[in-house]
Amino acid sequence: MNKNKNKKIFFGKVLSIKNKKTIIVLVKILKKHYLYKKFFFKKKKILVHDEYEIAKLNNIVSFISCKPISKKKFWILKDIINNDTKSN
């Protein structure tokens, strides 16, 4: 039986890589207002566990839910979608 069957996959942009084995990811969720039926974005910062520290700043990553790793970390890095790093 597939253990990842009921787990939700999210996508977001890496905001910070300052912590060891932890990245901060910004996730935008499209929602619809219940009364006015207007669409809007909700933003949330999520702490994601990055075991091998492969994510870089401004990368687009996907991550999946897991059992709690610490007080605020419930997510683990799945893979890097887009390397959006630009050199100046």
N, C-alpha and C. Protein backbone atom coordinates (compact mmCIF):
# COMPACT_ATOMS: atom_id res chain seq x y z
N MET A 1 0.84 -1.19 0.00
CA MET A 1 0.00 0.00 0.00
C MET A 1 0.88 1.24 0.00
N ASN A 2 0.48 2.24 -0.77
CA ASN A 2 1.25 3.46 -0.89
C ASN A 2 1.03 4.35 0.33
N LYS A 3 2.10 4.69 1.05
CA LYS A 3 1.97 5.50 2.25
C LYS A 3 1.75 6.98 1.93
N ASN A 4 2.17 7.43 0.75
CA ASN A 4 2.02 8.83 0.37
C ASN A 4 0.69 9.13 -0.31
N LYS A 5 -0.26 8.21 -0.23
CA LYS A 5 -1.52 8.35 -0.94
C LYS A 5 -2.35 9.54 -0.45
N ASN A 6 -2.45 9.71 0.86
CA ASN A 6 -3.30 10.75 1.42
C ASN A 6 -2.56 12.02 1.79
N LYS A 7 -1.30 12.13 1.41
CA LYS A 7 -0.52 13.28 1.79
C LYS A 7 -0.65 14.39 0.75
N LYS A 8 -0.73 15.61 1.23
CA LYS A 8 -0.91 16.77 0.37
C LYS A 8 0.45 17.29 -0.08
N ILE A 9 0.56 17.64 -1.36
CA ILE A 9 1.78 18.21 -1.91
C ILE A 9 1.55 19.70 -2.15
N PHE A 10 2.47 20.53 -1.66
CA PHE A 10 2.41 21.97 -1.85
C PHE A 10 3.61 22.44 -2.64
N PHE A 11 3.47 23.61 -3.26
CA PHE A 11 4.55 24.23 -4.01
C PHE A 11 4.75 25.63 -3.48
N GLY A 12 6.01 26.08 -3.45
CA GLY A 12 6.28 27.42 -2.95
C GLY A 12 7.67 27.89 -3.31
N LYS A 13 7.95 29.13 -2.95
CA LYS A 13 9.23 29.77 -3.24
C LYS A 13 10.04 29.86 -1.95
N VAL A 14 11.33 29.52 -2.03
CA VAL A 14 12.20 29.54 -0.86
C VAL A 14 12.55 30.98 -0.51
N LEU A 15 12.26 31.36 0.74
CA LEU A 15 12.56 32.71 1.21
C LEU A 15 13.84 32.78 2.02
N SER A 16 14.14 31.72 2.78
CA SER A 16 15.30 31.76 3.65
C SER A 16 15.91 30.37 3.78
N ILE A 17 17.26 30.36 3.82
CA ILE A 17 18.00 29.10 4.02
C ILE A 17 18.99 29.26 5.16
N LYS A 18 18.74 30.19 6.07
CA LYS A 18 19.69 30.50 7.14
C LYS A 18 19.79 29.41 8.20
N ASN A 19 18.70 28.71 8.46
CA ASN A 19 18.71 27.68 9.49
C ASN A 19 19.33 26.39 8.94
N LYS A 20 19.84 25.58 9.84
CA LYS A 20 20.45 24.32 9.45
C LYS A 20 19.36 23.28 9.23
N LYS A 21 19.33 22.67 8.04
CA LYS A 21 18.36 21.64 7.64
C LYS A 21 16.92 22.12 7.65
N THR A 22 16.71 23.44 7.60
CA THR A 22 15.36 24.00 7.56
C THR A 22 15.33 25.14 6.56
N ILE A 23 14.30 25.15 5.71
CA ILE A 23 14.09 26.26 4.79
C ILE A 23 12.72 26.86 5.08
N ILE A 24 12.59 28.15 4.80
CA ILE A 24 11.31 28.83 4.94
C ILE A 24 10.76 29.04 3.54
N VAL A 25 9.53 28.55 3.32
CA VAL A 25 8.92 28.58 1.99
C VAL A 25 7.65 29.41 2.05
N LEU A 26 7.46 30.28 1.06
CA LEU A 26 6.25 31.08 0.94
C LEU A 26 5.28 30.36 0.01
N VAL A 27 4.08 30.10 0.51
CA VAL A 27 3.05 29.40 -0.26
C VAL A 27 1.89 30.36 -0.49
N LYS A 28 1.44 30.44 -1.73
CA LYS A 28 0.25 31.24 -2.08
C LYS A 28 -0.90 30.28 -2.35
N ILE A 29 -2.02 30.50 -1.67
CA ILE A 29 -3.19 29.65 -1.83
C ILE A 29 -4.33 30.52 -2.38
N LEU A 30 -4.91 30.09 -3.49
CA LEU A 30 -6.02 30.81 -4.10
C LEU A 30 -7.31 30.43 -3.40
N LYS A 31 -8.02 31.44 -2.88
CA LYS A 31 -9.27 31.20 -2.17
C LYS A 31 -10.39 32.05 -2.80
N LYS A 32 -11.60 31.67 -2.51
CA LYS A 32 -12.75 32.39 -3.01
C LYS A 32 -13.58 32.89 -1.82
N HIS A 33 -13.94 34.17 -1.85
CA HIS A 33 -14.74 34.74 -0.77
C HIS A 33 -16.13 34.12 -0.79
N TYR A 34 -16.61 33.73 0.38
CA TYR A 34 -17.88 33.01 0.45
C TYR A 34 -19.08 33.86 0.06
N LEU A 35 -19.04 35.16 0.31
CA LEU A 35 -20.19 36.02 0.04
C LEU A 35 -20.07 36.75 -1.31
N TYR A 36 -18.91 37.34 -1.57
CA TYR A 36 -18.74 38.16 -2.76
C TYR A 36 -18.21 37.38 -3.96
N LYS A 37 -17.80 36.13 -3.77
CA LYS A 37 -17.33 35.25 -4.84
C LYS A 37 -16.10 35.78 -5.57
N LYS A 38 -15.34 36.62 -4.89
CA LYS A 38 -14.12 37.15 -5.47
C LYS A 38 -12.94 36.27 -5.07
N PHE A 39 -12.01 36.05 -5.99
CA PHE A 39 -10.84 35.24 -5.71
C PHE A 39 -9.72 36.12 -5.16
N PHE A 40 -8.97 35.59 -4.20
CA PHE A 40 -7.84 36.29 -3.63
C PHE A 40 -6.79 35.27 -3.18
N PHE A 41 -5.56 35.74 -2.99
CA PHE A 41 -4.48 34.88 -2.55
C PHE A 41 -4.26 35.04 -1.06
N LYS A 42 -4.04 33.92 -0.40
CA LYS A 42 -3.58 33.92 0.99
C LYS A 42 -2.13 33.47 0.96
N LYS A 43 -1.28 34.14 1.72
CA LYS A 43 0.13 33.80 1.78
C LYS A 43 0.45 33.21 3.15
N LYS A 44 1.32 32.22 3.16
CA LYS A 44 1.73 31.61 4.41
C LYS A 44 3.18 31.17 4.33
N LYS A 45 3.93 31.41 5.41
CA LYS A 45 5.31 30.95 5.49
C LYS A 45 5.32 29.61 6.22
N ILE A 46 5.97 28.63 5.63
CA ILE A 46 5.99 27.28 6.18
C ILE A 46 7.44 26.84 6.35
N LEU A 47 7.74 26.21 7.49
CA LEU A 47 9.06 25.64 7.73
C LEU A 47 9.10 24.23 7.15
N VAL A 48 10.09 23.98 6.31
CA VAL A 48 10.23 22.70 5.61
C VAL A 48 11.59 22.09 5.95
N HIS A 49 11.60 20.80 6.22
CA HIS A 49 12.84 20.08 6.54
C HIS A 49 13.59 19.75 5.26
N ASP A 50 14.84 20.19 5.17
CA ASP A 50 15.72 19.94 4.03
C ASP A 50 16.94 19.19 4.55
N GLU A 51 16.87 17.88 4.52
CA GLU A 51 17.89 17.03 5.14
C GLU A 51 19.28 17.26 4.57
N TYR A 52 19.41 17.36 3.25
CA TYR A 52 20.72 17.46 2.61
C TYR A 52 21.09 18.89 2.22
N GLU A 53 20.28 19.86 2.59
CA GLU A 53 20.53 21.29 2.34
C GLU A 53 20.82 21.58 0.87
N ILE A 54 19.93 21.10 0.00
CA ILE A 54 20.13 21.28 -1.45
C ILE A 54 19.35 22.47 -2.00
N ALA A 55 18.38 22.98 -1.28
CA ALA A 55 17.57 24.10 -1.76
C ALA A 55 18.36 25.40 -1.65
N LYS A 56 18.19 26.24 -2.64
CA LYS A 56 18.84 27.55 -2.66
C LYS A 56 17.76 28.63 -2.61
N LEU A 57 18.19 29.85 -2.38
CA LEU A 57 17.29 30.98 -2.29
C LEU A 57 16.56 31.20 -3.61
N ASN A 58 15.28 31.51 -3.57
CA ASN A 58 14.40 31.78 -4.71
C ASN A 58 14.09 30.57 -5.57
N ASN A 59 14.42 29.37 -5.13
CA ASN A 59 14.02 28.16 -5.86
C ASN A 59 12.53 27.90 -5.65
N ILE A 60 11.91 27.30 -6.65
CA ILE A 60 10.54 26.82 -6.51
C ILE A 60 10.64 25.35 -6.12
N VAL A 61 10.05 24.98 -4.99
CA VAL A 61 10.18 23.63 -4.46
C VAL A 61 8.80 23.02 -4.22
N SER A 62 8.78 21.70 -4.16
CA SER A 62 7.57 21.00 -3.74
C SER A 62 7.90 20.26 -2.44
N PHE A 63 6.91 20.20 -1.55
CA PHE A 63 7.11 19.53 -0.29
C PHE A 63 5.84 18.81 0.11
N ILE A 64 5.99 17.85 1.01
CA ILE A 64 4.91 16.94 1.36
C ILE A 64 4.80 16.88 2.88
N SER A 65 3.60 16.61 3.36
CA SER A 65 3.39 16.53 4.80
C SER A 65 4.02 15.26 5.36
N CYS A 66 4.39 15.31 6.64
CA CYS A 66 5.00 14.16 7.31
C CYS A 66 4.68 14.25 8.79
N LYS A 67 5.19 13.32 9.55
CA LYS A 67 4.99 13.38 11.00
C LYS A 67 5.80 14.55 11.56
N PRO A 68 5.43 15.10 12.71
CA PRO A 68 6.13 16.27 13.24
C PRO A 68 7.61 16.01 13.49
N ILE A 69 8.44 16.92 13.00
CA ILE A 69 9.88 16.84 13.19
C ILE A 69 10.29 17.71 14.38
N SER A 70 9.64 18.85 14.52
CA SER A 70 9.86 19.74 15.65
C SER A 70 8.55 20.46 15.94
N LYS A 71 8.61 21.49 16.73
CA LYS A 71 7.38 22.19 17.14
C LYS A 71 6.62 22.77 15.94
N LYS A 72 7.35 23.31 14.97
CA LYS A 72 6.70 23.97 13.83
C LYS A 72 6.95 23.30 12.49
N LYS A 73 7.73 22.23 12.44
CA LYS A 73 8.04 21.57 11.17
C LYS A 73 7.22 20.30 11.00
N PHE A 74 6.31 20.33 10.01
CA PHE A 74 5.48 19.17 9.67
C PHE A 74 5.62 18.80 8.20
N TRP A 75 6.62 19.35 7.54
CA TRP A 75 6.77 19.19 6.09
C TRP A 75 8.19 18.75 5.78
N ILE A 76 8.33 18.00 4.70
CA ILE A 76 9.65 17.54 4.25
C ILE A 76 9.78 17.84 2.76
N LEU A 77 10.97 18.27 2.36
CA LEU A 77 11.23 18.64 0.97
C LEU A 77 11.14 17.42 0.07
N LYS A 78 10.38 17.56 -1.03
CA LYS A 78 10.25 16.46 -1.98
C LYS A 78 11.23 16.63 -3.13
N ASP A 79 11.14 17.75 -3.86
CA ASP A 79 12.12 18.02 -4.91
C ASP A 79 12.11 19.49 -5.28
N ILE A 80 13.12 19.88 -6.07
CA ILE A 80 13.25 21.26 -6.54
C ILE A 80 12.68 21.32 -7.95
N ILE A 81 11.71 22.20 -8.15
CA ILE A 81 11.02 22.31 -9.45
C ILE A 81 11.80 23.23 -10.40
N ASN A 82 12.19 24.41 -9.90
CA ASN A 82 12.79 25.40 -10.77
C ASN A 82 13.94 26.08 -10.05
N ASN A 83 15.10 26.14 -10.70
CA ASN A 83 16.22 26.89 -10.16
C ASN A 83 16.12 28.31 -10.69
N ASP A 84 15.59 29.21 -9.87
CA ASP A 84 15.34 30.59 -10.28
C ASP A 84 16.41 31.54 -9.77
N THR A 85 17.61 31.04 -9.58
CA THR A 85 18.68 31.90 -9.08
C THR A 85 19.32 32.64 -10.24
N LYS A 86 19.49 33.94 -10.08
CA LYS A 86 20.09 34.79 -11.11
C LYS A 86 21.35 35.42 -10.57
N SER A 87 22.42 35.30 -11.30
CA SER A 87 23.68 35.90 -10.86
C SER A 87 23.77 37.32 -11.38
N ASN A 88 24.32 38.21 -10.55
CA ASN A 88 24.46 39.63 -10.92
C ASN A 88 25.84 39.90 -11.41
